[in-house]
Amino acid sequence: MSSALGGAQLKQCCAGFYGSDAARWLLADCWHPGGLELTRRLAEQLQLSADSRLLDVACGTGGSALMIADTFGCQVHGVDLSARNVEQATRAAAERGLCARASFELGDAEGLSVASQRFDALLCECALCTFPDKRAAAGEFHRVLRVGGRLALSDVTRRPAALTGLDDLAGWVACIADALPLPAYAQCLLEAGFCEVQTEDRSDTLQALIERIAGRLAAGELLAGLAQVPLSAGELQQARGLLTTAHEAVRRGQLGYGVVTARKGA
C-alpha cells in the first residue's frame, strides 16, 4: 500500500470522490476507459442470458448495470461504497423502468454482504486497483459466484517502476497509485481459485479517456468560478498536472488498461 492512510480511509476517499459532483463533471457519462462499448464486450464474454444473475461490484451510478439489464434482459445487482452513487443508480433504474431487473445496495467489495454462490456472473470495472486488499476482494468474487460462474474485470495497469507524482492520495483516487501489471491481476484471480484466466491489453481506451478528460479540464479552466464547474481554479490546475503526468506515463508504456476474464471451477 503506497499511501500513509489506512485501508478504510483510502476506500472512503475513493468513494467520496466518485460520488462527488466533481467526478460527475469530469467523467460525464464515461466512468471508465472504453465506456459502455467495452462494457458490452465484457458482458458478451460473460455469456449472459435472460436467466443470468449478475453482480456489478463498484457499480458507480449504475450505467453499466442498467445497460446490461436492458440489453441482455438478465437480473443485475450493483454494489458500491458511495451512498450517493447507490441512490442515483436506484433512481435511474426507476426512471428507465428497470427496477424489476436491476437493484443496488451500499457495500464493500472486500466483504460483500451477498450469499455465497448466488451469482452466475460478476463484473468489476476500473475498481480493483483502488481496493487496498485486492486478495480479499478476489476471494469475495470467487465466493459469491456459483461453480462455473464467469468473471470479467477491466482495470488500470502499471509497470512496477515508481511513477513520480502519481503515488500519493490523488494518484490512488485516480486509479493509478496501487494499479498492478496485467499479469498480476490474473495471478490474483488464480490465487483466489479461478481458472481459465485470460488477459487482453486495452491501453488504447485509457489514452482516449485521458484525452477526453483533458478537453473537459480545458473547458473548465475557461469557465472557472461558474456554477456549472464544481472545481476551483486550483483544483482544475491540480487535476491538469495529474493528467499530464498520467498521459506521459501512458506514452512511455508505464500505464495502461487491461481486461481479465476467468471462470470459477469445481
C-alpha atoms as a PDB file:
ATOM      1  CA  MET A   1       0.000   0.000   0.000  1.00  0.00           C
ATOM      2  CA  SER A   2       1.611   3.218  -1.161  1.00  0.00           C
ATOM      3  CA  SER A   3      -0.380   5.713   0.852  1.00  0.00           C
ATOM      4  CA  ALA A   4       0.151   6.545   4.526  1.00  0.00           C
ATOM      5  CA  LEU A   5      -3.609   6.361   5.038  1.00  0.00           C
ATOM      6  CA  GLY A   6      -5.204   3.145   6.286  1.00  0.00           C
ATOM      7  CA  GLY A   7      -7.303   0.918   4.045  1.00  0.00           C
ATOM      8  CA  ALA A   8     -10.634   2.131   5.407  1.00  0.00           C
ATOM      9  CA  GLN A   9      -9.662   5.786   4.904  1.00  0.00           C
ATOM     10  CA  LEU A  10      -8.467   5.130   1.369  1.00  0.00           C
ATOM     11  CA  LYS A  11     -11.729   3.428   0.466  1.00  0.00           C
ATOM     12  CA  GLN A  12     -13.752   6.305   1.870  1.00  0.00           C
ATOM     13  CA  CYS A  13     -11.644   8.834  -0.049  1.00  0.00           C
ATOM     14  CA  CYS A  14     -12.268   6.939  -3.285  1.00  0.00           C
ATOM     15  CA  ALA A  15     -15.978   6.535  -2.560  1.00  0.00           C
ATOM     16  CA  GLY A  16     -16.245  10.208  -1.662  1.00  0.00           C
ATOM     17  CA  PHE A  17     -14.623  11.359  -4.887  1.00  0.00           C
ATOM     18  CA  TYR A  18     -16.533   9.031  -7.220  1.00  0.00           C
ATOM     19  CA  GLY A  19     -19.776  10.055  -5.569  1.00  0.00           C
ATOM     20  CA  SER A  20     -18.975  13.767  -5.935  1.00  0.00           C
ATOM     21  CA  ASP A  21     -20.158  16.432  -8.352  1.00  0.00           C
ATOM     22  CA  ALA A  22     -16.544  16.885  -9.447  1.00  0.00           C
ATOM     23  CA  ALA A  23     -16.305  13.263 -10.618  1.00  0.00           C
ATOM     24  CA  ARG A  24     -19.623  13.518 -12.429  1.00  0.00           C
ATOM     25  CA  TRP A  25     -18.489  16.675 -14.194  1.00  0.00           C
ATOM     26  CA  LEU A  26     -15.049  15.343 -15.157  1.00  0.00           C
ATOM     27  CA  LEU A  27     -16.221  11.930 -16.340  1.00  0.00           C
ATOM     28  CA  ALA A  28     -19.686  12.877 -17.637  1.00  0.00           C
ATOM     29  CA  ASP A  29     -21.215   9.637 -18.981  1.00  0.00           C
ATOM     30  CA  CYS A  30     -17.903   7.738 -19.340  1.00  0.00           C
ATOM     31  CA  TRP A  31     -16.871   6.393 -15.938  1.00  0.00           C
ATOM     32  CA  HIS A  32     -14.109   4.092 -17.136  1.00  0.00           C
ATOM     33  CA  PRO A  33     -11.884   3.630 -20.197  1.00  0.00           C
ATOM     34  CA  GLY A  34     -13.761   2.107 -23.103  1.00  0.00           C
ATOM     35  CA  GLY A  35     -17.135   3.292 -21.820  1.00  0.00           C
ATOM     36  CA  LEU A  36     -20.265   1.225 -22.427  1.00  0.00           C
ATOM     37  CA  GLU A  37     -18.822  -0.214 -25.632  1.00  0.00           C
ATOM     38  CA  LEU A  38     -16.169  -2.088 -23.649  1.00  0.00           C
ATOM     39  CA  THR A  39     -18.783  -2.984 -21.011  1.00  0.00           C
ATOM     40  CA  ARG A  40     -20.912  -4.603 -23.714  1.00  0.00           C
ATOM     41  CA  ARG A  41     -17.929  -6.678 -24.844  1.00  0.00           C
ATOM     42  CA  LEU A  42     -17.292  -7.822 -21.283  1.00  0.00           C
ATOM     43  CA  ALA A  43     -20.967  -8.731 -20.879  1.00  0.00           C
ATOM     44  CA  GLU A  44     -20.804 -10.832 -24.036  1.00  0.00           C
ATOM     45  CA  GLN A  45     -17.774 -12.665 -22.653  1.00  0.00           C
ATOM     46  CA  LEU A  46     -19.787 -13.420 -19.529  1.00  0.00           C
ATOM     47  CA  GLN A  47     -22.240 -15.350 -21.750  1.00  0.00           C
ATOM     48  CA  LEU A  48     -25.282 -13.714 -20.167  1.00  0.00           C
ATOM     49  CA  SER A  49     -28.843 -14.829 -20.833  1.00  0.00           C
ATOM     50  CA  ALA A  50     -32.242 -13.705 -19.556  1.00  0.00           C
ATOM     51  CA  ASP A  51     -31.870 -16.238 -16.720  1.00  0.00           C
ATOM     52  CA  SER A  52     -28.475 -14.958 -15.569  1.00  0.00           C
ATOM     53  CA  ARG A  53     -27.823 -13.203 -12.264  1.00  0.00           C
ATOM     54  CA  LEU A  54     -25.001 -10.664 -12.498  1.00  0.00           C
ATOM     55  CA  LEU A  55     -23.221  -8.862  -9.670  1.00  0.00           C
ATOM     56  CA  ASP A  56     -21.666  -5.498 -10.619  1.00  0.00           C
ATOM     57  CA  VAL A  57     -19.020  -4.684  -7.985  1.00  0.00           C
ATOM     58  CA  ALA A  58     -18.211  -0.971  -7.557  1.00  0.00           C
ATOM     59  CA  CYS A  59     -21.116  -0.189  -9.863  1.00  0.00           C
ATOM     60  CA  GLY A  60     -20.894   3.596  -9.538  1.00  0.00           C
ATOM     61  CA  THR A  61     -24.064   5.338 -10.671  1.00  0.00           C
ATOM     62  CA  GLY A  62     -25.329   2.189 -12.374  1.00  0.00           C
ATOM     63  CA  GLY A  63     -24.615   2.979 -16.015  1.00  0.00           C
ATOM     64  CA  SER A  64     -23.130  -0.428 -16.844  1.00  0.00           C
ATOM     65  CA  ALA A  65     -25.618  -2.382 -14.732  1.00  0.00           C
ATOM     66  CA  LEU A  66     -28.620  -0.696 -16.325  1.00  0.00           C
ATOM     67  CA  MET A  67     -27.285  -1.107 -19.855  1.00  0.00           C
ATOM     68  CA  ILE A  68     -26.708  -4.824 -19.242  1.00  0.00           C
ATOM     69  CA  ALA A  69     -30.132  -5.351 -17.631  1.00  0.00           C
ATOM     70  CA  ASP A  70     -31.777  -3.593 -20.564  1.00  0.00           C
ATOM     71  CA  THR A  71     -29.716  -5.222 -23.333  1.00  0.00           C
ATOM     72  CA  PHE A  72     -29.399  -8.784 -22.052  1.00  0.00           C
ATOM     73  CA  GLY A  73     -32.608  -8.986 -20.016  1.00  0.00           C
ATOM     74  CA  CYS A  74     -30.841 -10.514 -17.002  1.00  0.00           C
ATOM     75  CA  GLN A  75     -31.048  -9.747 -13.302  1.00  0.00           C
ATOM     76  CA  VAL A  76     -28.340  -7.306 -12.191  1.00  0.00           C
ATOM     77  CA  HIS A  77     -27.408  -6.341  -8.647  1.00  0.00           C
ATOM     78  CA  GLY A  78     -24.955  -3.488  -8.116  1.00  0.00           C
ATOM     79  CA  VAL A  79     -22.818  -2.827  -5.038  1.00  0.00           C
ATOM     80  CA  ASP A  80     -20.973   0.424  -4.377  1.00  0.00           C
ATOM     81  CA  LEU A  81     -19.279   2.072  -1.393  1.00  0.00           C
ATOM     82  CA  SER A  82     -20.792   5.501  -2.165  1.00  0.00           C
ATOM     83  CA  ALA A  83     -24.298   6.013  -0.770  1.00  0.00           C
ATOM     84  CA  ARG A  84     -24.840   8.832  -3.226  1.00  0.00           C
ATOM     85  CA  ASN A  85     -23.989   6.583  -6.168  1.00  0.00           C
ATOM     86  CA  VAL A  86     -26.374   3.896  -4.911  1.00  0.00           C
ATOM     87  CA  GLU A  87     -29.162   6.468  -4.576  1.00  0.00           C
ATOM     88  CA  GLN A  88     -28.567   7.782  -8.088  1.00  0.00           C
ATOM     89  CA  ALA A  89     -28.405   4.271  -9.588  1.00  0.00           C
ATOM     90  CA  THR A  90     -31.652   3.275  -7.856  1.00  0.00           C
ATOM     91  CA  ARG A  91     -33.344   6.432  -9.116  1.00  0.00           C
ATOM     92  CA  ALA A  92     -32.061   5.834 -12.658  1.00  0.00           C
ATOM     93  CA  ALA A  93     -33.424   2.258 -12.595  1.00  0.00           C
ATOM     94  CA  ALA A  94     -36.852   3.605 -11.664  1.00  0.00           C
ATOM     95  CA  GLU A  95     -36.733   6.274 -14.372  1.00  0.00           C
ATOM     96  CA  ARG A  96     -35.863   3.675 -17.016  1.00  0.00           C
ATOM     97  CA  GLY A  97     -38.440   1.154 -15.820  1.00  0.00           C
ATOM     98  CA  LEU A  98     -35.782  -1.397 -14.851  1.00  0.00           C
ATOM     99  CA  CYS A  99     -36.488  -1.853 -11.143  1.00  0.00           C
ATOM    100  CA  ALA A 100     -37.660  -5.427 -11.763  1.00  0.00           C
ATOM    101  CA  ARG A 101     -34.264  -6.359 -13.227  1.00  0.00           C
ATOM    102  CA  ALA A 102     -31.774  -4.003 -11.533  1.00  0.00           C
ATOM    103  CA  SER A 103     -31.183  -3.333  -7.842  1.00  0.00           C
ATOM    104  CA  PHE A 104     -28.420  -1.590  -5.923  1.00  0.00           C
ATOM    105  CA  GLU A 105     -27.026  -1.571  -2.397  1.00  0.00           C
ATOM    106  CA  LEU A 106     -24.276   0.003  -0.322  1.00  0.00           C
ATOM    107  CA  GLY A 107     -21.427  -2.435   0.156  1.00  0.00           C
ATOM    108  CA  ASP A 108     -17.683  -3.089   0.384  1.00  0.00           C
ATOM    109  CA  ALA A 109     -16.036  -5.317  -2.246  1.00  0.00           C
ATOM    110  CA  GLU A 110     -13.640  -6.714   0.364  1.00  0.00           C
ATOM    111  CA  GLY A 111     -16.578  -8.009   2.438  1.00  0.00           C
ATOM    112  CA  LEU A 112     -19.683  -8.449   0.295  1.00  0.00           C
ATOM    113  CA  SER A 113     -22.973  -8.963   2.131  1.00  0.00           C
ATOM    114  CA  VAL A 114     -24.456 -11.259  -0.533  1.00  0.00           C
ATOM    115  CA  ALA A 115     -24.812 -15.027  -0.113  1.00  0.00           C
ATOM    116  CA  SER A 116     -22.225 -17.486  -1.402  1.00  0.00           C
ATOM    117  CA  GLN A 117     -22.719 -18.936  -4.902  1.00  0.00           C
ATOM    118  CA  ARG A 118     -25.613 -16.575  -5.576  1.00  0.00           C
ATOM    119  CA  PHE A 119     -24.489 -15.187  -8.941  1.00  0.00           C
ATOM    120  CA  ASP A 120     -23.816 -16.605 -12.395  1.00  0.00           C
ATOM    121  CA  ALA A 121     -21.526 -13.751 -13.426  1.00  0.00           C
ATOM    122  CA  LEU A 122     -19.572 -10.892 -11.898  1.00  0.00           C
ATOM    123  CA  LEU A 123     -18.391  -7.604 -13.393  1.00  0.00           C
ATOM    124  CA  CYS A 124     -15.849  -5.196 -11.893  1.00  0.00           C
ATOM    125  CA  GLU A 125     -14.769  -2.190 -13.965  1.00  0.00           C
ATOM    126  CA  CYS A 126     -11.829   0.084 -13.169  1.00  0.00           C
ATOM    127  CA  ALA A 127     -12.116  -0.505  -9.423  1.00  0.00           C
ATOM    128  CA  LEU A 128      -9.944  -3.392  -8.210  1.00  0.00           C
ATOM    129  CA  CYS A 129      -6.919  -1.077  -8.489  1.00  0.00           C
ATOM    130  CA  THR A 130      -8.416   1.121  -5.744  1.00  0.00           C
ATOM    131  CA  PHE A 131      -9.120  -1.728  -3.303  1.00  0.00           C
ATOM    132  CA  PRO A 132      -6.441  -1.808  -0.568  1.00  0.00           C
ATOM    133  CA  ASP A 133      -6.868  -5.579  -0.070  1.00  0.00           C
ATOM    134  CA  LYS A 134      -7.134  -6.970  -3.584  1.00  0.00           C
ATOM    135  CA  ARG A 135      -6.749 -10.584  -2.471  1.00  0.00           C
ATOM    136  CA  ALA A 136      -9.713 -10.245  -0.114  1.00  0.00           C
ATOM    137  CA  ALA A 137     -11.809  -8.772  -2.925  1.00  0.00           C
ATOM    138  CA  ALA A 138     -10.792 -11.557  -5.335  1.00  0.00           C
ATOM    139  CA  GLY A 139     -11.731 -14.089  -2.662  1.00  0.00           C
ATOM    140  CA  GLU A 140     -15.151 -12.477  -2.340  1.00  0.00           C
ATOM    141  CA  PHE A 141     -15.589 -12.546  -6.124  1.00  0.00           C
ATOM    142  CA  HIS A 142     -14.933 -16.278  -6.038  1.00  0.00           C
ATOM    143  CA  ARG A 143     -17.227 -16.879  -3.053  1.00  0.00           C
ATOM    144  CA  VAL A 144     -20.341 -15.233  -4.469  1.00  0.00           C
ATOM    145  CA  LEU A 145     -20.134 -16.951  -7.884  1.00  0.00           C
ATOM    146  CA  ARG A 146     -21.692 -20.359  -8.479  1.00  0.00           C
ATOM    147  CA  VAL A 147     -19.464 -23.136  -9.764  1.00  0.00           C
ATOM    148  CA  GLY A 148     -18.910 -22.459 -13.463  1.00  0.00           C
ATOM    149  CA  GLY A 149     -19.742 -18.759 -12.997  1.00  0.00           C
ATOM    150  CA  ARG A 150     -17.766 -16.240 -15.011  1.00  0.00           C
ATOM    151  CA  LEU A 151     -15.933 -13.057 -14.061  1.00  0.00           C
ATOM    152  CA  ALA A 152     -14.904 -10.105 -16.212  1.00  0.00           C
ATOM    153  CA  LEU A 153     -12.952  -7.121 -14.994  1.00  0.00           C
ATOM    154  CA  SER A 154     -11.191  -4.192 -16.607  1.00  0.00           C
ATOM    155  CA  ASP A 155      -8.631  -2.064 -14.828  1.00  0.00           C
ATOM    156  CA  VAL A 156      -5.742   0.371 -14.978  1.00  0.00           C
ATOM    157  CA  THR A 157      -2.376  -1.365 -15.262  1.00  0.00           C
ATOM    158  CA  ARG A 158       1.108  -0.118 -14.444  1.00  0.00           C
ATOM    159  CA  ARG A 159       4.648  -1.365 -14.646  1.00  0.00           C
ATOM    160  CA  PRO A 160       6.287  -1.994 -11.246  1.00  0.00           C
ATOM    161  CA  ALA A 161       8.654   1.007 -11.515  1.00  0.00           C
ATOM    162  CA  ALA A 162       7.784   4.096  -9.473  1.00  0.00           C
ATOM    163  CA  LEU A 163       5.862   6.880 -11.176  1.00  0.00           C
ATOM    164  CA  THR A 164       6.888  10.298  -9.885  1.00  0.00           C
ATOM    165  CA  GLY A 165       3.877  12.364  -8.880  1.00  0.00           C
ATOM    166  CA  LEU A 166       1.387   9.503  -9.102  1.00  0.00           C
ATOM    167  CA  ASP A 167       1.922   7.572  -5.864  1.00  0.00           C
ATOM    168  CA  ASP A 168       0.130   9.924  -3.458  1.00  0.00           C
ATOM    169  CA  LEU A 169      -3.539  10.010  -2.404  1.00  0.00           C
ATOM    170  CA  ALA A 170      -4.560  11.803  -5.604  1.00  0.00           C
ATOM    171  CA  GLY A 171      -2.858   9.078  -7.610  1.00  0.00           C
ATOM    172  CA  TRP A 172      -4.702   6.434  -5.593  1.00  0.00           C
ATOM    173  CA  VAL A 173      -8.097   8.043  -6.175  1.00  0.00           C
ATOM    174  CA  ALA A 174      -7.208   8.397  -9.864  1.00  0.00           C
ATOM    175  CA  CYS A 175      -6.790   4.589 -10.042  1.00  0.00           C
ATOM    176  CA  ILE A 176      -3.020   4.799 -10.557  1.00  0.00           C
ATOM    177  CA  ALA A 177      -1.097   4.550  -7.272  1.00  0.00           C
ATOM    178  CA  ASP A 178      -1.898   0.902  -6.498  1.00  0.00           C
ATOM    179  CA  ALA A 179      -2.626  -0.384 -10.013  1.00  0.00           C
ATOM    180  CA  LEU A 180      -0.887  -3.666 -10.899  1.00  0.00           C
ATOM    181  CA  PRO A 181       0.708  -5.088 -14.040  1.00  0.00           C
ATOM    182  CA  LEU A 182      -1.891  -7.002 -16.066  1.00  0.00           C
ATOM    183  CA  PRO A 183      -0.359 -10.437 -15.243  1.00  0.00           C
ATOM    184  CA  ALA A 184      -0.558  -9.587 -11.530  1.00  0.00           C
ATOM    185  CA  TYR A 185      -4.338  -9.128 -11.727  1.00  0.00           C
ATOM    186  CA  ALA A 186      -4.538 -12.522 -13.428  1.00  0.00           C
ATOM    187  CA  GLN A 187      -2.370 -14.063 -10.703  1.00  0.00           C
ATOM    188  CA  CYS A 188      -4.600 -12.554  -8.021  1.00  0.00           C
ATOM    189  CA  LEU A 189      -7.601 -14.345  -9.532  1.00  0.00           C
ATOM    190  CA  LEU A 190      -5.703 -17.602  -9.927  1.00  0.00           C
ATOM    191  CA  GLU A 191      -4.733 -17.495  -6.245  1.00  0.00           C
ATOM    192  CA  ALA A 192      -8.391 -16.923  -5.354  1.00  0.00           C
ATOM    193  CA  GLY A 193      -9.301 -20.184  -7.123  1.00  0.00           C
ATOM    194  CA  PHE A 194     -10.353 -19.032 -10.587  1.00  0.00           C
ATOM    195  CA  CYS A 195      -9.411 -20.947 -13.721  1.00  0.00           C
ATOM    196  CA  GLU A 196      -9.349 -20.223 -17.482  1.00  0.00           C
ATOM    197  CA  VAL A 197      -7.888 -16.783 -16.701  1.00  0.00           C
ATOM    198  CA  GLN A 198      -7.254 -14.745 -19.848  1.00  0.00           C
ATOM    199  CA  THR A 199      -5.987 -11.181 -20.335  1.00  0.00           C
ATOM    200  CA  GLU A 200      -6.227  -8.542 -23.053  1.00  0.00           C
ATOM    201  CA  ASP A 201      -4.394  -5.230 -23.305  1.00  0.00           C
ATOM    202  CA  ARG A 202      -6.752  -2.296 -23.973  1.00  0.00           C
ATOM    203  CA  SER A 203      -4.430   0.627 -23.275  1.00  0.00           C
ATOM    204  CA  ASP A 204      -5.915   2.431 -26.271  1.00  0.00           C
ATOM    205  CA  THR A 205      -9.066   3.061 -24.222  1.00  0.00           C
ATOM    206  CA  LEU A 206      -7.093   4.723 -21.412  1.00  0.00           C
ATOM    207  CA  GLN A 207      -5.409   7.103 -23.847  1.00  0.00           C
ATOM    208  CA  ALA A 208      -8.806   8.063 -25.290  1.00  0.00           C
ATOM    209  CA  LEU A 209     -10.267   8.730 -21.823  1.00  0.00           C
ATOM    210  CA  ILE A 210      -7.287  10.898 -20.805  1.00  0.00           C
ATOM    211  CA  GLU A 211      -7.744  12.999 -23.933  1.00  0.00           C
ATOM    212  CA  ARG A 212     -11.455  13.320 -23.212  1.00  0.00           C
ATOM    213  CA  ILE A 213     -10.883  14.477 -19.627  1.00  0.00           C
ATOM    214  CA  ALA A 214      -8.191  16.897 -20.834  1.00  0.00           C
ATOM    215  CA  GLY A 215     -10.824  18.510 -23.021  1.00  0.00           C
ATOM    216  CA  ARG A 216     -13.184  18.817 -20.079  1.00  0.00           C
ATOM    217  CA  LEU A 217     -10.451  20.433 -17.988  1.00  0.00           C
ATOM    218  CA  ALA A 218      -9.596  22.901 -20.740  1.00  0.00           C
ATOM    219  CA  ALA A 219     -13.241  23.934 -20.949  1.00  0.00           C
ATOM    220  CA  GLY A 220     -13.453  24.109 -17.161  1.00  0.00           C
ATOM    221  CA  GLU A 221     -10.479  26.455 -16.925  1.00  0.00           C
ATOM    222  CA  LEU A 222     -12.251  28.838 -19.287  1.00  0.00           C
ATOM    223  CA  LEU A 223     -15.370  28.673 -17.115  1.00  0.00           C
ATOM    224  CA  ALA A 224     -13.673  28.501 -13.686  1.00  0.00           C
ATOM    225  CA  GLY A 225     -15.785  30.023 -10.958  1.00  0.00           C
ATOM    226  CA  LEU A 226     -19.085  29.404 -12.720  1.00  0.00           C
ATOM    227  CA  ALA A 227     -21.680  27.216 -11.030  1.00  0.00           C
ATOM    228  CA  GLN A 228     -21.593  24.502 -13.711  1.00  0.00           C
ATOM    229  CA  VAL A 229     -17.938  23.676 -12.944  1.00  0.00           C
ATOM    230  CA  PRO A 230     -17.745  22.079  -9.453  1.00  0.00           C
ATOM    231  CA  LEU A 231     -13.973  22.590  -9.203  1.00  0.00           C
ATOM    232  CA  SER A 232     -11.998  25.632  -8.124  1.00  0.00           C
ATOM    233  CA  ALA A 233      -9.263  27.099 -10.308  1.00  0.00           C
ATOM    234  CA  GLY A 234      -6.673  25.482  -8.018  1.00  0.00           C
ATOM    235  CA  GLU A 235      -8.357  22.072  -8.264  1.00  0.00           C
ATOM    236  CA  LEU A 236      -8.532  22.357 -12.038  1.00  0.00           C
ATOM    237  CA  GLN A 237      -4.818  23.129 -12.153  1.00  0.00           C
ATOM    238  CA  GLN A 238      -4.010  20.177  -9.863  1.00  0.00           C
ATOM    239  CA  ALA A 239      -6.129  17.847 -11.993  1.00  0.00           C
ATOM    240  CA  ARG A 240      -4.426  19.042 -15.164  1.00  0.00           C
ATOM    241  CA  GLY A 241      -0.992  18.358 -13.634  1.00  0.00           C
ATOM    242  CA  LEU A 242      -2.026  14.830 -12.643  1.00  0.00           C
ATOM    243  CA  LEU A 243      -3.482  14.210 -16.079  1.00  0.00           C
ATOM    244  CA  THR A 244      -0.348  15.468 -17.848  1.00  0.00           C
ATOM    245  CA  THR A 245       1.805  13.113 -15.775  1.00  0.00           C
ATOM    246  CA  ALA A 246      -0.536  10.206 -16.485  1.00  0.00           C
ATOM    247  CA  HIS A 247      -0.571  10.990 -20.204  1.00  0.00           C
ATOM    248  CA  GLU A 248       3.216  10.859 -20.312  1.00  0.00           C
ATOM    249  CA  ALA A 249       3.216   7.584 -18.365  1.00  0.00           C
ATOM    250  CA  VAL A 250       0.839   6.048 -20.908  1.00  0.00           C
ATOM    251  CA  ARG A 251       3.044   7.261 -23.755  1.00  0.00           C
ATOM    252  CA  ARG A 252       6.049   5.582 -22.143  1.00  0.00           C
ATOM    253  CA  GLY A 253       4.148   2.349 -21.582  1.00  0.00           C
ATOM    254  CA  GLN A 254       4.255   2.729 -17.788  1.00  0.00           C
ATOM    255  CA  LEU A 255       0.465   2.969 -17.518  1.00  0.00           C
ATOM    256  CA  GLY A 256      -2.153   1.075 -19.482  1.00  0.00           C
ATOM    257  CA  TYR A 257      -5.531  -0.600 -19.280  1.00  0.00           C
ATOM    258  CA  GLY A 258      -6.426  -4.261 -19.457  1.00  0.00           C
ATOM    259  CA  VAL A 259      -9.209  -6.811 -19.365  1.00  0.00           C
ATOM    260  CA  VAL A 260      -9.173 -10.054 -17.391  1.00  0.00           C
ATOM    261  CA  THR A 261     -11.761 -12.833 -17.713  1.00  0.00           C
ATOM    262  CA  ALA A 262     -11.979 -16.012 -15.665  1.00  0.00           C
ATOM    263  CA  ARG A 263     -14.261 -18.866 -14.597  1.00  0.00           C
ATOM    264  CA  LYS A 264     -14.957 -20.437 -11.205  1.00  0.00           C
ATOM    265  CA  GLY A 265     -14.035 -24.074 -11.476  1.00  0.00           C
ATOM    266  CA  ALA A 266     -15.309 -27.041  -9.490  1.00  0.00           C
END
